[in-house]
Amino acid sequence: GQQDPFAKHVYVQTSDDDGLTWSAPVVVAGDVDNGFLIDKPTITAD
């Protein structure tokens, strides 16, 4: 119930077995407490 829009990171996890197991989250980018709201991300593999 406590959501701070100015404290967000973008994380990515990967799987090599069609989603059965996943890697630990990797921080792609972050904007913590600097006045930015991170919203509506997408990811596209080549």
PDB file of all heavy atoms in Angstrom:
ATOM      1  N   GLY A   1       0.787  -1.216   0.000  1.00  0.00           N
ATOM      2  CA  GLY A   1       0.000   0.000   0.000  1.00  0.00           C
ATOM      3  C   GLY A   1       0.819   1.266   0.000  1.00  0.00           C
ATOM      4  O   GLY A   1       0.257   2.358   0.019  1.00  0.00           O
ATOM      5  N   GLN A   2       2.136   1.127   0.016  1.00  0.00           N
ATOM      6  CA  GLN A   2       3.005   2.302   0.031  1.00  0.00           C
ATOM      7  C   GLN A   2       3.855   2.296  -1.232  1.00  0.00           C
ATOM      8  O   GLN A   2       4.790   1.525  -1.349  1.00  0.00           O
ATOM      9  CB  GLN A   2       3.905   2.284   1.276  1.00  0.00           C
ATOM     10  CG  GLN A   2       3.140   2.307   2.586  1.00  0.00           C
ATOM     11  CD  GLN A   2       2.425   3.634   2.798  1.00  0.00           C
ATOM     12  OE1 GLN A   2       2.921   4.675   2.393  1.00  0.00           O
ATOM     13  NE2 GLN A   2       1.271   3.595   3.431  1.00  0.00           N
ATOM     14  N   GLN A   3       3.512   3.121  -2.173  1.00  0.00           N
ATOM     15  CA  GLN A   3       4.200   3.128  -3.454  1.00  0.00           C
ATOM     16  C   GLN A   3       4.808   4.499  -3.690  1.00  0.00           C
ATOM     17  O   GLN A   3       4.096   5.497  -3.763  1.00  0.00           O
ATOM     18  CB  GLN A   3       3.225   2.761  -4.566  1.00  0.00           C
ATOM     19  CG  GLN A   3       2.603   1.395  -4.368  1.00  0.00           C
ATOM     20  CD  GLN A   3       1.341   1.225  -5.171  1.00  0.00           C
ATOM     21  OE1 GLN A   3       1.024   2.048  -6.023  1.00  0.00           O
ATOM     22  NE2 GLN A   3       0.611   0.153  -4.917  1.00  0.00           N
ATOM     23  N   ASP A   4       6.114   4.540  -3.783  1.00  0.00           N
ATOM     24  CA  ASP A   4       6.811   5.804  -3.995  1.00  0.00           C
ATOM     25  C   ASP A   4       7.235   5.881  -5.457  1.00  0.00           C
ATOM     26  O   ASP A   4       8.116   5.147  -5.888  1.00  0.00           O
ATOM     27  CB  ASP A   4       8.040   5.860  -3.086  1.00  0.00           C
ATOM     28  CG  ASP A   4       8.830   7.148  -3.280  1.00  0.00           C
ATOM     29  OD1 ASP A   4       8.399   7.997  -4.075  1.00  0.00           O
ATOM     30  OD2 ASP A   4       9.870   7.287  -2.633  1.00  0.00           O
ATOM     31  N   PRO A   5       6.621   6.736  -6.262  1.00  0.00           N
ATOM     32  CA  PRO A   5       6.927   6.738  -7.688  1.00  0.00           C
ATOM     33  C   PRO A   5       8.326   7.225  -8.015  1.00  0.00           C
ATOM     34  O   PRO A   5       8.788   7.050  -9.129  1.00  0.00           O
ATOM     35  CB  PRO A   5       5.869   7.683  -8.272  1.00  0.00           C
ATOM     36  CG  PRO A   5       5.542   8.604  -7.144  1.00  0.00           C
ATOM     37  CD  PRO A   5       5.633   7.760  -5.903  1.00  0.00           C
ATOM     38  N   PHE A   6       9.022   7.836  -7.037  1.00  0.00           N
ATOM     39  CA  PHE A   6      10.355   8.343  -7.312  1.00  0.00           C
ATOM     40  C   PHE A   6      11.440   7.413  -6.778  1.00  0.00           C
ATOM     41  O   PHE A   6      12.559   7.822  -6.535  1.00  0.00           O
ATOM     42  CB  PHE A   6      10.509   9.740  -6.718  1.00  0.00           C
ATOM     43  CG  PHE A   6       9.513  10.707  -7.274  1.00  0.00           C
ATOM     44  CD1 PHE A   6       8.608  11.365  -6.473  1.00  0.00           C
ATOM     45  CD2 PHE A   6       9.467  10.941  -8.639  1.00  0.00           C
ATOM     46  CE1 PHE A   6       7.692  12.254  -6.999  1.00  0.00           C
ATOM     47  CE2 PHE A   6       8.557  11.819  -9.180  1.00  0.00           C
ATOM     48  CZ  PHE A   6       7.662  12.477  -8.359  1.00  0.00           C
ATOM     49  N   ALA A   7      11.120   6.152  -6.566  1.00  0.00           N
ATOM     50  CA  ALA A   7      12.109   5.179  -6.105  1.00  0.00           C
ATOM     51  C   ALA A   7      11.935   3.914  -6.917  1.00  0.00           C
ATOM     52  O   ALA A   7      11.276   2.975  -6.484  1.00  0.00           O
ATOM     53  CB  ALA A   7      11.942   4.902  -4.611  1.00  0.00           C
ATOM     54  N   LYS A   8      12.496   3.893  -8.115  1.00  0.00           N
ATOM     55  CA  LYS A   8      12.285   2.752  -8.996  1.00  0.00           C
ATOM     56  C   LYS A   8      13.565   2.358  -9.719  1.00  0.00           C
ATOM     57  O   LYS A   8      14.419   3.179 -10.004  1.00  0.00           O
ATOM     58  CB  LYS A   8      11.188   3.054 -10.027  1.00  0.00           C
ATOM     59  CG  LYS A   8       9.799   3.205  -9.409  1.00  0.00           C
ATOM     60  CD  LYS A   8       8.735   3.259 -10.487  1.00  0.00           C
ATOM     61  CE  LYS A   8       7.344   3.301  -9.866  1.00  0.00           C
ATOM     62  NZ  LYS A   8       6.287   3.272 -10.872  1.00  0.00           N
ATOM     63  N   HIS A   9      13.652   1.059  -9.995  1.00  0.00           N
ATOM     64  CA  HIS A   9      14.710   0.518 -10.826  1.00  0.00           C
ATOM     65  C   HIS A   9      14.088  -0.325 -11.928  1.00  0.00           C
ATOM     66  O   HIS A   9      12.961  -0.800 -11.804  1.00  0.00           O
ATOM     67  CB  HIS A   9      15.669  -0.358 -10.009  1.00  0.00           C
ATOM     68  CG  HIS A   9      16.673   0.410  -9.212  1.00  0.00           C
ATOM     69  ND1 HIS A   9      16.378   1.025  -8.031  1.00  0.00           N
ATOM     70  CD2 HIS A   9      17.986   0.649  -9.450  1.00  0.00           C
ATOM     71  CE1 HIS A   9      17.474   1.617  -7.549  1.00  0.00           C
ATOM     72  NE2 HIS A   9      18.454   1.407  -8.398  1.00  0.00           N
ATOM     73  N   VAL A  10      14.831  -0.540 -12.999  1.00  0.00           N
ATOM     74  CA  VAL A  10      14.469  -1.479 -14.046  1.00  0.00           C
ATOM     75  C   VAL A  10      15.309  -2.729 -13.847  1.00  0.00           C
ATOM     76  O   VAL A  10      16.543  -2.651 -13.763  1.00  0.00           O
ATOM     77  CB  VAL A  10      14.719  -0.887 -15.444  1.00  0.00           C
ATOM     78  CG1 VAL A  10      14.362  -1.895 -16.530  1.00  0.00           C
ATOM     79  CG2 VAL A  10      13.921   0.401 -15.631  1.00  0.00           C
ATOM     80  N   TYR A  11      14.643  -3.873 -13.736  1.00  0.00           N
ATOM     81  CA  TYR A  11      15.318  -5.154 -13.536  1.00  0.00           C
ATOM     82  C   TYR A  11      15.025  -6.083 -14.705  1.00  0.00           C
ATOM     83  O   TYR A  11      13.939  -6.050 -15.291  1.00  0.00           O
ATOM     84  CB  TYR A  11      14.829  -5.842 -12.260  1.00  0.00           C
ATOM     85  CG  TYR A  11      15.181  -5.143 -10.972  1.00  0.00           C
ATOM     86  CD1 TYR A  11      14.296  -4.252 -10.382  1.00  0.00           C
ATOM     87  CD2 TYR A  11      16.392  -5.395 -10.318  1.00  0.00           C
ATOM     88  CE1 TYR A  11      14.608  -3.615  -9.186  1.00  0.00           C
ATOM     89  CE2 TYR A  11      16.704  -4.766  -9.133  1.00  0.00           C
ATOM     90  CZ  TYR A  11      15.807  -3.881  -8.570  1.00  0.00           C
ATOM     91  OH  TYR A  11      16.115  -3.251  -7.385  1.00  0.00           O
ATOM     92  N   VAL A  12      15.986  -6.964 -15.026  1.00  0.00           N
ATOM     93  CA  VAL A  12      15.781  -8.010 -16.025  1.00  0.00           C
ATOM     94  C   VAL A  12      16.289  -9.331 -15.466  1.00  0.00           C
ATOM     95  O   VAL A  12      17.359  -9.389 -14.852  1.00  0.00           O
ATOM     96  CB  VAL A  12      16.501  -7.682 -17.352  1.00  0.00           C
ATOM     97  CG1 VAL A  12      16.521  -8.910 -18.270  1.00  0.00           C
ATOM     98  CG2 VAL A  12      15.814  -6.523 -18.058  1.00  0.00           C
ATOM     99  N   GLN A  13      15.502 -10.373 -15.663  1.00  0.00           N
ATOM    100  CA  GLN A  13      15.900 -11.739 -15.348  1.00  0.00           C
ATOM    101  C   GLN A  13      15.786 -12.578 -16.617  1.00  0.00           C
ATOM    102  O   GLN A  13      14.970 -12.288 -17.491  1.00  0.00           O
ATOM    103  CB  GLN A  13      15.006 -12.305 -14.237  1.00  0.00           C
ATOM    104  CG  GLN A  13      15.172 -11.565 -12.919  1.00  0.00           C
ATOM    105  CD  GLN A  13      14.133 -11.974 -11.876  1.00  0.00           C
ATOM    106  OE1 GLN A  13      13.118 -11.301 -11.730  1.00  0.00           O
ATOM    107  NE2 GLN A  13      14.397 -13.047 -11.158  1.00  0.00           N
ATOM    108  N   THR A  14      16.612 -13.625 -16.714  1.00  0.00           N
ATOM    109  CA  THR A  14      16.639 -14.427 -17.931  1.00  0.00           C
ATOM    110  C   THR A  14      16.416 -15.896 -17.607  1.00  0.00           C
ATOM    111  O   THR A  14      16.660 -16.351 -16.490  1.00  0.00           O
ATOM    112  CB  THR A  14      17.976 -14.268 -18.678  1.00  0.00           C
ATOM    113  OG1 THR A  14      19.054 -14.665 -17.814  1.00  0.00           O
ATOM    114  CG2 THR A  14      18.178 -12.830 -19.116  1.00  0.00           C
ATOM    115  N   SER A  15      15.960 -16.625 -18.612  1.00  0.00           N
ATOM    116  CA  SER A  15      15.718 -18.068 -18.482  1.00  0.00           C
ATOM    117  C   SER A  15      16.152 -18.763 -19.761  1.00  0.00           C
ATOM    118  O   SER A  15      15.847 -18.301 -20.868  1.00  0.00           O
ATOM    119  CB  SER A  15      14.231 -18.330 -18.227  1.00  0.00           C
ATOM    120  OG  SER A  15      13.952 -19.719 -18.251  1.00  0.00           O
ATOM    121  N   ASP A  16      16.856 -19.881 -19.595  1.00  0.00           N
ATOM    122  CA  ASP A  16      17.292 -20.693 -20.733  1.00  0.00           C
ATOM    123  C   ASP A  16      16.524 -21.999 -20.832  1.00  0.00           C
ATOM    124  O   ASP A  16      16.887 -22.874 -21.631  1.00  0.00           O
ATOM    125  CB  ASP A  16      18.796 -20.979 -20.649  1.00  0.00           C
ATOM    126  CG  ASP A  16      19.632 -19.730 -20.888  1.00  0.00           C
ATOM    127  OD1 ASP A  16      19.266 -18.942 -21.791  1.00  0.00           O
ATOM    128  OD2 ASP A  16      20.631 -19.537 -20.179  1.00  0.00           O
ATOM    129  N   ASP A  17      15.468 -22.163 -20.027  1.00  0.00           N
ATOM    130  CA  ASP A  17      14.671 -23.385 -20.075  1.00  0.00           C
ATOM    131  C   ASP A  17      13.182 -23.065 -20.180  1.00  0.00           C
ATOM    132  O   ASP A  17      12.346 -23.687 -19.538  1.00  0.00           O
ATOM    133  CB  ASP A  17      14.947 -24.279 -18.872  1.00  0.00           C
ATOM    134  CG  ASP A  17      14.801 -23.559 -17.535  1.00  0.00           C
ATOM    135  OD1 ASP A  17      14.252 -22.436 -17.519  1.00  0.00           O
ATOM    136  OD2 ASP A  17      15.237 -24.121 -16.511  1.00  0.00           O
ATOM    137  N   ASP A  18      12.876 -22.062 -20.998  1.00  0.00           N
ATOM    138  CA  ASP A  18      11.494 -21.676 -21.284  1.00  0.00           C
ATOM    139  C   ASP A  18      10.714 -21.332 -20.029  1.00  0.00           C
ATOM    140  O   ASP A  18       9.550 -21.701 -19.873  1.00  0.00           O
ATOM    141  CB  ASP A  18      10.783 -22.775 -22.068  1.00  0.00           C
ATOM    142  CG  ASP A  18      11.356 -22.952 -23.466  1.00  0.00           C
ATOM    143  OD1 ASP A  18      11.248 -21.998 -24.269  1.00  0.00           O
ATOM    144  OD2 ASP A  18      11.917 -24.024 -23.746  1.00  0.00           O
ATOM    145  N   GLY A  19      11.368 -20.584 -19.121  1.00  0.00           N
ATOM    146  CA  GLY A  19      10.674 -20.037 -17.971  1.00  0.00           C
ATOM    147  C   GLY A  19      10.575 -20.939 -16.766  1.00  0.00           C
ATOM    148  O   GLY A  19       9.957 -20.564 -15.767  1.00  0.00           O
ATOM    149  N   LEU A  20      11.190 -22.117 -16.811  1.00  0.00           N
ATOM    150  CA  LEU A  20      11.126 -23.012 -15.659  1.00  0.00           C
ATOM    151  C   LEU A  20      11.975 -22.498 -14.515  1.00  0.00           C
ATOM    152  O   LEU A  20      11.558 -22.519 -13.350  1.00  0.00           O
ATOM    153  CB  LEU A  20      11.563 -24.423 -16.054  1.00  0.00           C
ATOM    154  CG  LEU A  20      11.419 -25.501 -14.985  1.00  0.00           C
ATOM    155  CD1 LEU A  20       9.967 -25.655 -14.560  1.00  0.00           C
ATOM    156  CD2 LEU A  20      11.978 -26.827 -15.496  1.00  0.00           C
ATOM    157  N   THR A  21      13.169 -21.998 -14.822  1.00  0.00           N
ATOM    158  CA  THR A  21      14.041 -21.376 -13.821  1.00  0.00           C
ATOM    159  C   THR A  21      14.528 -20.044 -14.363  1.00  0.00           C
ATOM    160  O   THR A  21      14.614 -19.843 -15.588  1.00  0.00           O
ATOM    161  CB  THR A  21      15.248 -22.271 -13.487  1.00  0.00           C
ATOM    162  OG1 THR A  21      16.039 -22.490 -14.671  1.00  0.00           O
ATOM    163  CG2 THR A  21      14.795 -23.612 -12.927  1.00  0.00           C
ATOM    164  N   TRP A  22      14.882 -19.125 -13.412  1.00  0.00           N
ATOM    165  CA  TRP A  22      15.256 -17.772 -13.798  1.00  0.00           C
ATOM    166  C   TRP A  22      16.513 -17.330 -13.069  1.00  0.00           C
ATOM    167  O   TRP A  22      16.768 -17.747 -11.934  1.00  0.00           O
ATOM    168  CB  TRP A  22      14.115 -16.800 -13.493  1.00  0.00           C
ATOM    169  CG  TRP A  22      12.920 -17.028 -14.346  1.00  0.00           C
ATOM    170  CD1 TRP A  22      11.908 -17.911 -14.127  1.00  0.00           C
ATOM    171  CD2 TRP A  22      12.634 -16.401 -15.603  1.00  0.00           C
ATOM    172  NE1 TRP A  22      10.998 -17.862 -15.157  1.00  0.00           N
ATOM    173  CE2 TRP A  22      11.413 -16.937 -16.061  1.00  0.00           C
ATOM    174  CE3 TRP A  22      13.273 -15.413 -16.353  1.00  0.00           C
ATOM    175  CZ2 TRP A  22      10.835 -16.540 -17.274  1.00  0.00           C
ATOM    176  CZ3 TRP A  22      12.687 -15.001 -17.550  1.00  0.00           C
ATOM    177  CH2 TRP A  22      11.492 -15.566 -17.998  1.00  0.00           C
ATOM    178  N   SER A  23      17.274 -16.473 -13.719  1.00  0.00           N
ATOM    179  CA  SER A  23      18.478 -15.909 -13.111  1.00  0.00           C
ATOM    180  C   SER A  23      18.109 -14.922 -12.020  1.00  0.00           C
ATOM    181  O   SER A  23      16.956 -14.501 -11.892  1.00  0.00           O
ATOM    182  CB  SER A  23      19.314 -15.193 -14.170  1.00  0.00           C
ATOM    183  OG  SER A  23      18.657 -14.005 -14.595  1.00  0.00           O
ATOM    184  N   ALA A  24      19.100 -14.531 -11.229  1.00  0.00           N
ATOM    185  CA  ALA A  24      18.906 -13.442 -10.277  1.00  0.00           C
ATOM    186  C   ALA A  24      18.656 -12.148 -11.043  1.00  0.00           C
ATOM    187  O   ALA A  24      19.125 -11.985 -12.178  1.00  0.00           O
ATOM    188  CB  ALA A  24      20.135 -13.294  -9.391  1.00  0.00           C
ATOM    189  N   PRO A  25      17.909 -11.217 -10.466  1.00  0.00           N
ATOM    190  CA  PRO A  25      17.633  -9.964 -11.177  1.00  0.00           C
ATOM    191  C   PRO A  25      18.888  -9.133 -11.382  1.00  0.00           C
ATOM    192  O   PRO A  25      19.735  -9.003 -10.493  1.00  0.00           O
ATOM    193  CB  PRO A  25      16.633  -9.248 -10.269  1.00  0.00           C
ATOM    194  CG  PRO A  25      16.802  -9.871  -8.924  1.00  0.00           C
ATOM    195  CD  PRO A  25      17.215 -11.280  -9.163  1.00  0.00           C
ATOM    196  N   VAL A  26      19.010  -8.566 -12.565  1.00  0.00           N
ATOM    197  CA  VAL A  26      20.104  -7.666 -12.921  1.00  0.00           C
ATOM    198  C   VAL A  26      19.533  -6.257 -13.042  1.00  0.00           C
ATOM    199  O   VAL A  26      18.495  -6.059 -13.682  1.00  0.00           O
ATOM    200  CB  VAL A  26      20.761  -8.092 -14.247  1.00  0.00           C
ATOM    201  CG1 VAL A  26      21.781  -7.049 -14.712  1.00  0.00           C
ATOM    202  CG2 VAL A  26      21.406  -9.461 -14.119  1.00  0.00           C
ATOM    203  N   VAL A  27      20.197  -5.284 -12.420  1.00  0.00           N
ATOM    204  CA  VAL A  27      19.754  -3.894 -12.513  1.00  0.00           C
ATOM    205  C   VAL A  27      20.163  -3.345 -13.879  1.00  0.00           C
ATOM    206  O   VAL A  27      21.349  -3.279 -14.204  1.00  0.00           O
ATOM    207  CB  VAL A  27      20.356  -3.036 -11.393  1.00  0.00           C
ATOM    208  CG1 VAL A  27      19.980  -1.573 -11.586  1.00  0.00           C
ATOM    209  CG2 VAL A  27      19.870  -3.522 -10.037  1.00  0.00           C
ATOM    210  N   VAL A  28      19.160  -2.965 -14.665  1.00  0.00           N
ATOM    211  CA  VAL A  28      19.423  -2.357 -15.969  1.00  0.00           C
ATOM    212  C   VAL A  28      19.659  -0.862 -15.812  1.00  0.00           C
ATOM    213  O   VAL A  28      20.553  -0.290 -16.420  1.00  0.00           O
ATOM    214  CB  VAL A  28      18.244  -2.623 -16.922  1.00  0.00           C
ATOM    215  CG1 VAL A  28      18.441  -1.895 -18.245  1.00  0.00           C
ATOM    216  CG2 VAL A  28      18.091  -4.123 -17.151  1.00  0.00           C
ATOM    217  N   ALA A  29      18.829  -0.217 -14.997  1.00  0.00           N
ATOM    218  CA  ALA A  29      18.947   1.218 -14.761  1.00  0.00           C
ATOM    219  C   ALA A  29      18.171   1.561 -13.511  1.00  0.00           C
ATOM    220  O   ALA A  29      17.303   0.804 -13.069  1.00  0.00           O
ATOM    221  CB  ALA A  29      18.425   2.019 -15.947  1.00  0.00           C
ATOM    222  N   GLY A  30      18.479   2.709 -12.930  1.00  0.00           N
ATOM    223  CA  GLY A  30      17.761   3.141 -11.745  1.00  0.00           C
ATOM    224  C   GLY A  30      17.752   4.646 -11.611  1.00  0.00           C
ATOM    225  O   GLY A  30      18.701   5.327 -12.003  1.00  0.00           O
ATOM    226  N   ASP A  31      16.655   5.161 -11.079  1.00  0.00           N
ATOM    227  CA  ASP A  31      16.544   6.577 -10.764  1.00  0.00           C
ATOM    228  C   ASP A  31      15.938   6.664  -9.368  1.00  0.00           C
ATOM    229  O   ASP A  31      14.733   6.657  -9.215  1.00  0.00           O
ATOM    230  CB  ASP A  31      15.647   7.304 -11.761  1.00  0.00           C
ATOM    231  CG  ASP A  31      16.280   7.394 -13.140  1.00  0.00           C
ATOM    232  OD1 ASP A  31      17.209   8.174 -13.296  1.00  0.00           O
ATOM    233  OD2 ASP A  31      15.824   6.668 -14.021  1.00  0.00           O
ATOM    234  N   VAL A  32      16.765   6.676  -8.358  1.00  0.00           N
ATOM    235  CA  VAL A  32      16.274   6.646  -6.987  1.00  0.00           C
ATOM    236  C   VAL A  32      16.384   8.044  -6.381  1.00  0.00           C
ATOM    237  O   VAL A  32      17.457   8.626  -6.299  1.00  0.00           O
ATOM    238  CB  VAL A  32      17.074   5.643  -6.145  1.00  0.00           C
ATOM    239  CG1 VAL A  32      16.573   5.646  -4.713  1.00  0.00           C
ATOM    240  CG2 VAL A  32      16.944   4.243  -6.737  1.00  0.00           C
ATOM    241  N   ASP A  33      15.227   8.586  -5.986  1.00  0.00           N
ATOM    242  CA  ASP A  33      15.169   9.838  -5.232  1.00  0.00           C
ATOM    243  C   ASP A  33      15.738  11.029  -5.990  1.00  0.00           C
ATOM    244  O   ASP A  33      16.218  11.979  -5.384  1.00  0.00           O
ATOM    245  CB  ASP A  33      15.894   9.690  -3.893  1.00  0.00           C
ATOM    246  CG  ASP A  33      15.335   8.560  -3.061  1.00  0.00           C
ATOM    247  OD1 ASP A  33      14.158   8.193  -3.246  1.00  0.00           O
ATOM    248  OD2 ASP A  33      16.085   8.028  -2.237  1.00  0.00           O
ATOM    249  N   ASN A  34      15.691  10.994  -7.303  1.00  0.00           N
ATOM    250  CA  ASN A  34      16.180  12.153  -8.055  1.00  0.00           C
ATOM    251  C   ASN A  34      15.071  12.820  -8.855  1.00  0.00           C
ATOM    252  O   ASN A  34      15.330  13.540  -9.808  1.00  0.00           O
ATOM    253  CB  ASN A  34      17.330  11.754  -8.978  1.00  0.00           C
ATOM    254  CG  ASN A  34      16.893  10.805 -10.077  1.00  0.00           C
ATOM    255  OD1 ASN A  34      15.749  10.355 -10.105  1.00  0.00           O
ATOM    256  ND2 ASN A  34      17.792  10.503 -10.993  1.00  0.00           N
ATOM    257  N   GLY A  35      13.819  12.558  -8.461  1.00  0.00           N
ATOM    258  CA  GLY A  35      12.716  13.268  -9.071  1.00  0.00           C
ATOM    259  C   GLY A  35      12.164  12.669 -10.336  1.00  0.00           C
ATOM    260  O   GLY A  35      11.366  13.301 -11.014  1.00  0.00           O
ATOM    261  N   PHE A  36      12.582  11.457 -10.702  1.00  0.00           N
ATOM    262  CA  PHE A  36      12.082  10.840 -11.916  1.00  0.00           C
ATOM    263  C   PHE A  36      11.169   9.669 -11.589  1.00  0.00           C
ATOM    264  O   PHE A  36      11.404   8.910 -10.644  1.00  0.00           O
ATOM    265  CB  PHE A  36      13.222  10.336 -12.801  1.00  0.00           C
ATOM    266  CG  PHE A  36      13.820  11.410 -13.659  1.00  0.00           C
ATOM    267  CD1 PHE A  36      14.888  12.161 -13.202  1.00  0.00           C
ATOM    268  CD2 PHE A  36      13.307  11.677 -14.917  1.00  0.00           C
ATOM    269  CE1 PHE A  36      15.435  13.154 -13.987  1.00  0.00           C
ATOM    270  CE2 PHE A  36      13.850  12.674 -15.707  1.00  0.00           C
ATOM    271  CZ  PHE A  36      14.923  13.412 -15.245  1.00  0.00           C
ATOM    272  N   LEU A  37      10.133   9.524 -12.390  1.00  0.00           N
ATOM    273  CA  LEU A  37       9.233   8.383 -12.336  1.00  0.00           C
ATOM    274  C   LEU A  37       9.544   7.476 -13.515  1.00  0.00           C
ATOM    275  O   LEU A  37       9.496   7.906 -14.671  1.00  0.00           O
ATOM    276  CB  LEU A  37       7.780   8.858 -12.412  1.00  0.00           C
ATOM    277  CG  LEU A  37       6.709   7.847 -12.809  1.00  0.00           C
ATOM    278  CD1 LEU A  37       6.571   6.780 -11.744  1.00  0.00           C
ATOM    279  CD2 LEU A  37       5.385   8.543 -13.055  1.00  0.00           C
ATOM    280  N   ILE A  38       9.914   6.234 -13.260  1.00  0.00           N
ATOM    281  CA  ILE A  38      10.110   5.249 -14.319  1.00  0.00           C
ATOM    282  C   ILE A  38       8.796   4.521 -14.532  1.00  0.00           C
ATOM    283  O   ILE A  38       8.199   4.019 -13.587  1.00  0.00           O
ATOM    284  CB  ILE A  38      11.233   4.254 -13.966  1.00  0.00           C
ATOM    285  CG1 ILE A  38      12.578   4.981 -13.884  1.00  0.00           C
ATOM    286  CG2 ILE A  38      11.300   3.142 -15.002  1.00  0.00           C
ATOM    287  CD1 ILE A  38      13.736   4.078 -13.532  1.00  0.00           C
ATOM    288  N   ASP A  39       8.342   4.450 -15.790  1.00  0.00           N
ATOM    289  CA  ASP A  39       7.035   3.870 -16.051  1.00  0.00           C
ATOM    290  C   ASP A  39       7.028   3.176 -17.406  1.00  0.00           C
ATOM    291  O   ASP A  39       7.836   3.464 -18.279  1.00  0.00           O
ATOM    292  CB  ASP A  39       5.965   4.968 -16.016  1.00  0.00           C
ATOM    293  CG  ASP A  39       4.559   4.420 -15.841  1.00  0.00           C
ATOM    294  OD1 ASP A  39       4.412   3.222 -15.559  1.00  0.00           O
ATOM    295  OD2 ASP A  39       3.599   5.209 -15.977  1.00  0.00           O
ATOM    296  N   LYS A  40       6.103   2.264 -17.559  1.00  0.00           N
ATOM    297  CA  LYS A  40       5.769   1.529 -18.782  1.00  0.00           C
ATOM    298  C   LYS A  40       6.983   1.128 -19.614  1.00  0.00           C
ATOM    299  O   LYS A  40       7.232   1.637 -20.710  1.00  0.00           O
ATOM    300  CB  LYS A  40       4.802   2.344 -19.642  1.00  0.00           C
ATOM    301  CG  LYS A  40       4.163   1.515 -20.751  1.00  0.00           C
ATOM    302  CD  LYS A  40       3.455   0.298 -20.187  1.00  0.00           C
ATOM    303  CE  LYS A  40       3.220  -0.779 -21.216  1.00  0.00           C
ATOM    304  NZ  LYS A  40       4.423  -1.542 -21.537  1.00  0.00           N
ATOM    305  N   PRO A  41       7.764   0.167 -19.088  1.00  0.00           N
ATOM    306  CA  PRO A  41       8.903  -0.323 -19.861  1.00  0.00           C
ATOM    307  C   PRO A  41       8.495  -1.479 -20.777  1.00  0.00           C
ATOM    308  O   PRO A  41       7.467  -2.133 -20.575  1.00  0.00           O
ATOM    309  CB  PRO A  41       9.843  -0.827 -18.771  1.00  0.00           C
ATOM    310  CG  PRO A  41       8.894  -1.381 -17.738  1.00  0.00           C
ATOM    311  CD  PRO A  41       7.677  -0.477 -17.768  1.00  0.00           C
ATOM    312  N   THR A  42       9.279  -1.717 -21.794  1.00  0.00           N
ATOM    313  CA  THR A  42       9.162  -2.920 -22.618  1.00  0.00           C
ATOM    314  C   THR A  42      10.560  -3.421 -22.928  1.00  0.00           C
ATOM    315  O   THR A  42      11.545  -2.680 -22.813  1.00  0.00           O
ATOM    316  CB  THR A  42       8.417  -2.649 -23.942  1.00  0.00           C
ATOM    317  OG1 THR A  42       9.150  -1.701 -24.721  1.00  0.00           O
ATOM    318  CG2 THR A  42       7.008  -2.126 -23.693  1.00  0.00           C
ATOM    319  N   ILE A  43      10.649  -4.678 -23.338  1.00  0.00           N
ATOM    320  CA  ILE A  43      11.927  -5.264 -23.717  1.00  0.00           C
ATOM    321  C   ILE A  43      11.717  -6.084 -24.981  1.00  0.00           C
ATOM    322  O   ILE A  43      10.700  -6.769 -25.128  1.00  0.00           O
ATOM    323  CB  ILE A  43      12.518  -6.122 -22.577  1.00  0.00           C
ATOM    324  CG1 ILE A  43      13.903  -6.647 -22.963  1.00  0.00           C
ATOM    325  CG2 ILE A  43      11.584  -7.255 -22.173  1.00  0.00           C
ATOM    326  CD1 ILE A  43      14.650  -7.284 -21.799  1.00  0.00           C
ATOM    327  N   THR A  44      12.657  -5.981 -25.906  1.00  0.00           N
ATOM    328  CA  THR A  44      12.600  -6.688 -27.181  1.00  0.00           C
ATOM    329  C   THR A  44      13.929  -7.371 -27.421  1.00  0.00           C
ATOM    330  O   THR A  44      14.960  -6.695 -27.538  1.00  0.00           O
ATOM    331  CB  THR A  44      12.311  -5.729 -28.347  1.00  0.00           C
ATOM    332  OG1 THR A  44      11.102  -5.016 -28.094  1.00  0.00           O
ATOM    333  CG2 THR A  44      12.187  -6.496 -29.650  1.00  0.00           C
ATOM    334  N   ALA A  45      13.920  -8.693 -27.481  1.00  0.00           N
ATOM    335  CA  ALA A  45      15.130  -9.421 -27.846  1.00  0.00           C
ATOM    336  C   ALA A  45      15.280  -9.414 -29.362  1.00  0.00           C
ATOM    337  O   ALA A  45      14.290  -9.470 -30.101  1.00  0.00           O
ATOM    338  CB  ALA A  45      15.064 -10.853 -27.331  1.00  0.00           C
ATOM    339  N   ASP A  46      16.512  -9.335 -29.822  1.00  0.00           N
ATOM    340  CA  ASP A  46      16.802  -9.346 -31.257  1.00  0.00           C
ATOM    341  C   ASP A  46      16.459 -10.729 -31.812  1.00  0.00           C
ATOM    342  O   ASP A  46      17.018 -11.733 -31.371  1.00  0.00           O
ATOM    343  CB  ASP A  46      18.279  -9.033 -31.480  1.00  0.00           C
ATOM    344  CG  ASP A  46      18.606  -8.737 -32.937  1.00  0.00           C
ATOM    345  OD1 ASP A  46      18.084  -9.434 -33.813  1.00  0.00           O
ATOM    346  OD2 ASP A  46      19.409  -7.817 -33.184  1.00  0.00           O
TER     347      ASP A  46
END
